């Protein structure tokens, strides 16, 4: 990234506190770059959360819905390509990769891993901003279909993590919200237990996913023993059946 002077940008947007501002997770092990991006993107209409590595990113992803992930490729531990492939196995959150390796083979590897775009370092903050805005516009058509998921008397808003039955809000735990959100990203498509566990940050046995699913079914299904909406796919995992 170039010197801090370009951070003036095209002008302030709604600011980091606006509820409807896109929320971006910036993951990079360079603290100076994280701080620069946090300030620049906040000044240009984004809410920004930052993480120094993949483990910290997973912690945030397990608790918060993000509209976009800006992810460095070269990080200690789990690198950006590995994290991208893992996230793509369970969801469709937009991902923009950053890397010091700008060769064609590296760009192809990034896109093959499931990234939406690939930006080589050093870069101008303005270019990053424009690429992010392009990704969000491109994804807006598909995302609009997932603003509200209806199944039976229930409505689930993935962005807010809110489940309602009619006018009544159904209280969900963080893990239950995470499970429902991941399933709602691909309604009608089975998601593996391993994928669900990884997506919501559950470490260890996938049996924990089964326990959380049982609790979630008790809040949704008329008869949890014979679920209508949160169905088991034998040998795979679970699937959300919407209307």
Protein backbone atom coordinates (compact mmCIF):
# COMPACT_ATOMS: atom_id res chain seq x y z
CA UNK A 1 0.00 0.00 0.00
CA UNK A 2 1.28 3.47 -0.76
CA UNK A 3 2.00 6.28 1.68
CA UNK A 4 -0.74 7.55 4.04
CA UNK A 5 -1.38 10.74 1.98
CA UNK A 6 -4.05 9.12 -0.28
CA UNK A 7 -6.24 8.44 2.74
CA UNK A 8 -8.24 11.59 2.11
CA UNK A 9 -10.42 9.52 -0.24
CA UNK A 10 -13.57 10.66 -2.02
CA UNK A 11 -15.26 11.93 1.11
CA UNK A 12 -16.95 10.56 4.23
CA UNK A 13 -19.86 8.17 4.00
CA UNK A 14 -22.40 7.25 6.66
CA UNK A 15 -19.62 6.45 9.13
CA UNK A 16 -18.76 3.37 11.16
CA UNK A 17 -21.76 3.66 13.43
CA UNK A 18 -24.44 3.53 10.73
CA UNK A 19 -26.43 0.32 11.07
CA UNK A 20 -27.00 0.02 7.32
CA UNK A 21 -23.36 0.63 6.35
CA UNK A 22 -21.62 -2.44 4.86
CA UNK A 23 -19.55 -4.25 7.47
CA UNK A 24 -16.12 -5.40 6.28
CA UNK A 25 -13.64 -7.69 8.05
CA UNK A 26 -10.02 -6.79 7.24
CA UNK A 27 -7.55 -9.62 7.95
CA UNK A 28 -3.82 -8.86 7.69
CA UNK A 29 -0.85 -9.55 9.94
CA UNK A 30 0.56 -6.06 9.23
CA UNK A 31 -0.85 -3.88 12.01
CA UNK A 32 0.06 -0.63 10.27
CA UNK A 33 -1.87 -1.66 7.17
CA UNK A 34 -4.83 -2.78 9.28
CA UNK A 35 -4.94 0.59 11.03
CA UNK A 36 -4.69 2.50 7.75
CA UNK A 37 -7.47 0.47 6.14
CA UNK A 38 -9.66 0.72 9.22
CA UNK A 39 -9.42 4.51 9.13
CA UNK A 40 -9.75 4.91 5.38
CA UNK A 41 -12.68 2.54 4.95
CA UNK A 42 -14.46 3.99 8.00
CA UNK A 43 -14.13 7.45 6.44
CA UNK A 44 -15.67 6.10 3.24
CA UNK A 45 -18.87 4.53 4.48
CA UNK A 46 -17.90 1.14 5.92
CA UNK A 47 -18.09 -0.38 9.35
CA UNK A 48 -14.73 -2.05 9.88
CA UNK A 49 -13.54 -4.92 12.08
CA UNK A 50 -9.90 -5.98 11.88
CA UNK A 51 -8.06 -9.23 12.65
CA UNK A 52 -4.37 -10.11 12.64
CA UNK A 53 -4.66 -13.74 11.50
CA UNK A 54 -7.09 -16.43 10.42
CA UNK A 55 -7.79 -17.62 13.96
CA UNK A 56 -8.88 -14.15 15.06
CA UNK A 57 -10.89 -13.79 11.85
CA UNK A 58 -12.75 -17.03 12.56
CA UNK A 59 -13.59 -15.76 16.04
CA UNK A 60 -15.22 -12.65 14.54
CA UNK A 61 -16.93 -14.63 11.78
CA UNK A 62 -18.54 -16.95 14.32
CA UNK A 63 -20.30 -14.04 16.02
CA UNK A 64 -20.84 -11.32 13.39
CA UNK A 65 -22.30 -11.16 9.90
CA UNK A 66 -19.95 -9.38 7.49
CA UNK A 67 -20.80 -8.07 4.03
CA UNK A 68 -17.25 -8.43 2.73
CA UNK A 69 -13.92 -10.01 3.74
CA UNK A 70 -10.64 -8.29 2.75
CA UNK A 71 -8.04 -10.98 3.33
CA UNK A 72 -4.25 -11.06 3.10
CA UNK A 73 -2.87 -14.21 1.46
CA UNK A 74 0.52 -14.46 3.18
CA UNK A 75 -0.15 -14.87 6.90
CA UNK A 76 1.43 -17.11 9.53
CA UNK A 77 -0.57 -20.22 10.36
CA UNK A 78 -3.62 -20.69 8.16
CA UNK A 79 -3.03 -18.53 5.08
CA UNK A 80 -5.56 -16.55 3.09
CA UNK A 81 -6.04 -19.14 0.35
CA UNK A 82 -6.74 -21.88 2.91
CA UNK A 83 -9.20 -19.70 4.78
CA UNK A 84 -10.93 -18.72 1.53
CA UNK A 85 -11.37 -22.35 0.47
CA UNK A 86 -12.72 -23.23 3.91
CA UNK A 87 -15.24 -20.38 3.91
CA UNK A 88 -16.33 -21.16 0.37
CA UNK A 89 -17.21 -24.70 1.44
CA UNK A 90 -19.92 -23.33 3.73
CA UNK A 91 -21.03 -19.95 2.39
CA UNK A 92 -20.88 -17.23 -0.25
CA UNK A 93 -19.59 -14.19 1.65
CA UNK A 94 -17.71 -11.92 -0.80
CA UNK A 95 -13.90 -12.18 -0.44
CA UNK A 96 -11.21 -9.86 -1.82
CA UNK A 97 -7.65 -11.18 -1.50
CA UNK A 98 -4.59 -8.98 -0.92
CA UNK A 99 -1.09 -10.22 -1.64
CA UNK A 100 2.44 -9.12 -2.41
CA UNK A 101 2.57 -11.82 -5.11
CA UNK A 102 1.07 -10.30 -8.24
CA UNK A 103 2.07 -12.89 -10.84
CA UNK A 104 -0.66 -14.37 -13.03
CA UNK A 105 -0.29 -17.81 -11.45
CA UNK A 106 -0.89 -16.34 -8.00
CA UNK A 107 -3.94 -14.40 -9.17
CA UNK A 108 -5.36 -17.54 -10.75
CA UNK A 109 -4.75 -19.51 -7.54
CA UNK A 110 -6.62 -16.85 -5.57
CA UNK A 111 -9.60 -16.85 -7.89
CA UNK A 112 -9.66 -20.65 -8.04
CA UNK A 113 -9.83 -20.75 -4.24
CA UNK A 114 -13.17 -18.93 -4.49
CA UNK A 115 -12.19 -15.27 -4.08
CA UNK A 116 -14.27 -12.63 -5.85
CA UNK A 117 -11.28 -10.43 -6.64
CA UNK A 118 -7.52 -10.22 -6.15
CA UNK A 119 -5.46 -7.06 -5.53
CA UNK A 120 -1.66 -7.01 -5.53
CA UNK A 121 0.34 -4.98 -3.01
CA UNK A 122 1.29 -2.17 -2.99
CA UNK A 123 -2.04 -0.65 -3.95
CA UNK A 124 -3.79 2.69 -3.83
CA UNK A 125 -6.56 2.84 -1.19
CA UNK A 126 -8.86 4.35 -3.81
CA UNK A 127 -8.48 1.27 -6.02
CA UNK A 128 -9.27 -1.03 -3.11
CA UNK A 129 -12.38 1.02 -2.33
CA UNK A 130 -13.59 0.87 -5.93
CA UNK A 131 -13.01 -2.89 -6.14
CA UNK A 132 -14.92 -3.42 -2.89
CA UNK A 133 -17.83 -1.34 -4.13
CA UNK A 134 -17.87 -3.29 -7.40
CA UNK A 135 -17.98 -6.62 -5.57
CA UNK A 136 -20.85 -5.46 -3.36
CA UNK A 137 -22.82 -4.16 -6.35
CA UNK A 138 -22.24 -7.41 -8.22
CA UNK A 139 -23.36 -9.44 -5.24
CA UNK A 140 -26.34 -7.24 -4.37
CA UNK A 141 -28.70 -9.06 -6.75
CA UNK A 142 -27.96 -12.45 -5.22
CA UNK A 143 -27.85 -11.08 -1.68
CA UNK A 144 -31.26 -9.45 -1.99
CA UNK A 145 -32.81 -12.90 -2.33
CA UNK A 146 -31.40 -13.83 1.08
CA UNK A 147 -32.59 -10.74 2.96
CA UNK A 148 -35.53 -12.74 4.30
CA UNK A 149 -35.99 -16.50 4.50
CA UNK A 150 -39.55 -17.75 5.08
CA UNK A 151 -40.31 -21.25 6.32
CA UNK A 152 -43.75 -22.03 7.65
CA UNK A 153 -44.79 -19.38 10.19
CA UNK A 154 -41.15 -18.33 10.68
CA UNK A 155 -39.17 -15.50 9.11
CA UNK A 156 -35.40 -15.29 9.44
CA UNK A 157 -33.31 -12.23 8.55
CA UNK A 158 -29.71 -13.48 8.07
CA UNK A 159 -28.15 -10.01 8.19
CA UNK A 160 -29.64 -9.22 11.59
CA UNK A 161 -29.75 -12.78 12.83
CA UNK A 162 -33.41 -12.31 13.82
CA UNK A 163 -35.94 -15.14 13.87
CA UNK A 164 -39.63 -14.34 14.23
CA UNK A 165 -42.83 -16.31 14.36
CA UNK A 166 -45.42 -13.79 13.27
CA UNK A 167 -44.74 -10.72 15.40
CA UNK A 168 -42.99 -12.71 18.13
CA UNK A 169 -39.19 -12.74 18.25
CA UNK A 170 -37.61 -16.11 18.98
CA UNK A 171 -34.57 -15.85 21.23
CA UNK A 172 -31.55 -17.68 19.79
CA UNK A 173 -28.13 -18.31 21.21
CA UNK A 174 -25.06 -17.25 19.25
CA UNK A 175 -24.43 -20.82 18.11
CA UNK A 176 -28.07 -21.31 17.05
CA UNK A 177 -28.02 -18.06 15.09
CA UNK A 178 -24.80 -19.14 13.40
CA UNK A 179 -26.25 -22.50 12.37
CA UNK A 180 -29.42 -20.97 10.97
CA UNK A 181 -27.49 -18.25 9.16
CA UNK A 182 -25.17 -20.75 7.43
CA UNK A 183 -28.09 -22.95 6.39
CA UNK A 184 -30.05 -19.89 5.18
CA UNK A 185 -27.17 -18.92 2.89
CA UNK A 186 -27.86 -22.07 0.84
CA UNK A 187 -31.53 -23.01 1.42
CA UNK A 188 -32.39 -26.42 0.07
CA UNK A 189 -28.71 -27.43 -0.04
CA UNK A 190 -27.18 -29.78 2.52
CA UNK A 191 -24.30 -28.43 4.60
CA UNK A 192 -21.94 -30.90 6.24
CA UNK A 193 -21.56 -31.11 10.01
CA UNK A 194 -17.87 -30.35 9.60
CA UNK A 195 -18.69 -27.28 7.54
CA UNK A 196 -21.22 -26.07 10.09
CA UNK A 197 -18.79 -26.63 12.96
CA UNK A 198 -16.07 -24.68 11.19
CA UNK A 199 -18.39 -21.88 10.13
CA UNK A 200 -19.65 -21.16 13.64
CA UNK A 201 -16.33 -21.73 15.37
CA UNK A 202 -17.11 -25.00 17.15
CA UNK A 203 -13.90 -26.89 17.77
CA UNK A 204 -13.65 -30.63 18.32
CA UNK A 205 -16.36 -33.21 17.75
CA UNK A 206 -19.13 -32.54 15.25
CA UNK A 207 -21.39 -34.02 17.90
CA UNK A 208 -21.57 -30.48 19.27
CA UNK A 209 -23.30 -29.44 16.05
CA UNK A 210 -25.92 -32.16 16.58
CA UNK A 211 -26.55 -30.91 20.11
CA UNK A 212 -26.98 -27.32 18.93
CA UNK A 213 -29.26 -28.45 16.10
CA UNK A 214 -31.44 -30.37 18.56
CA UNK A 215 -31.84 -27.21 20.64
CA UNK A 216 -32.63 -25.12 17.57
CA UNK A 217 -35.26 -27.61 16.40
CA UNK A 218 -37.00 -27.39 19.77
CA UNK A 219 -37.56 -23.70 19.09
CA UNK A 220 -38.78 -24.17 15.51
CA UNK A 221 -40.22 -27.60 14.84
CA UNK A 222 -43.71 -28.68 15.95
CA UNK A 223 -42.23 -32.14 16.55
CA UNK A 224 -38.40 -32.05 16.73
CA UNK A 225 -38.31 -35.85 16.24
CA UNK A 226 -39.79 -35.39 12.76
CA UNK A 227 -38.45 -32.03 11.59
CA UNK A 228 -40.10 -30.30 8.66
CA UNK A 229 -37.74 -27.36 8.14
CA UNK A 230 -34.37 -28.33 9.66
CA UNK A 231 -33.91 -31.74 8.09
CA UNK A 232 -31.08 -34.25 8.44
CA UNK A 233 -29.36 -35.46 5.29
CA UNK A 234 -27.93 -38.86 6.14
CA UNK A 235 -24.20 -39.13 5.65
CA UNK A 236 -23.89 -35.39 5.01
CA UNK A 237 -25.33 -32.97 7.53
CA UNK A 238 -28.35 -30.67 7.62
CA UNK A 239 -30.50 -28.67 5.23
CA UNK A 240 -32.97 -25.81 5.67
CA UNK A 241 -36.19 -26.32 3.70
CA UNK A 242 -37.78 -22.90 3.06
CA UNK A 243 -41.17 -22.12 1.54
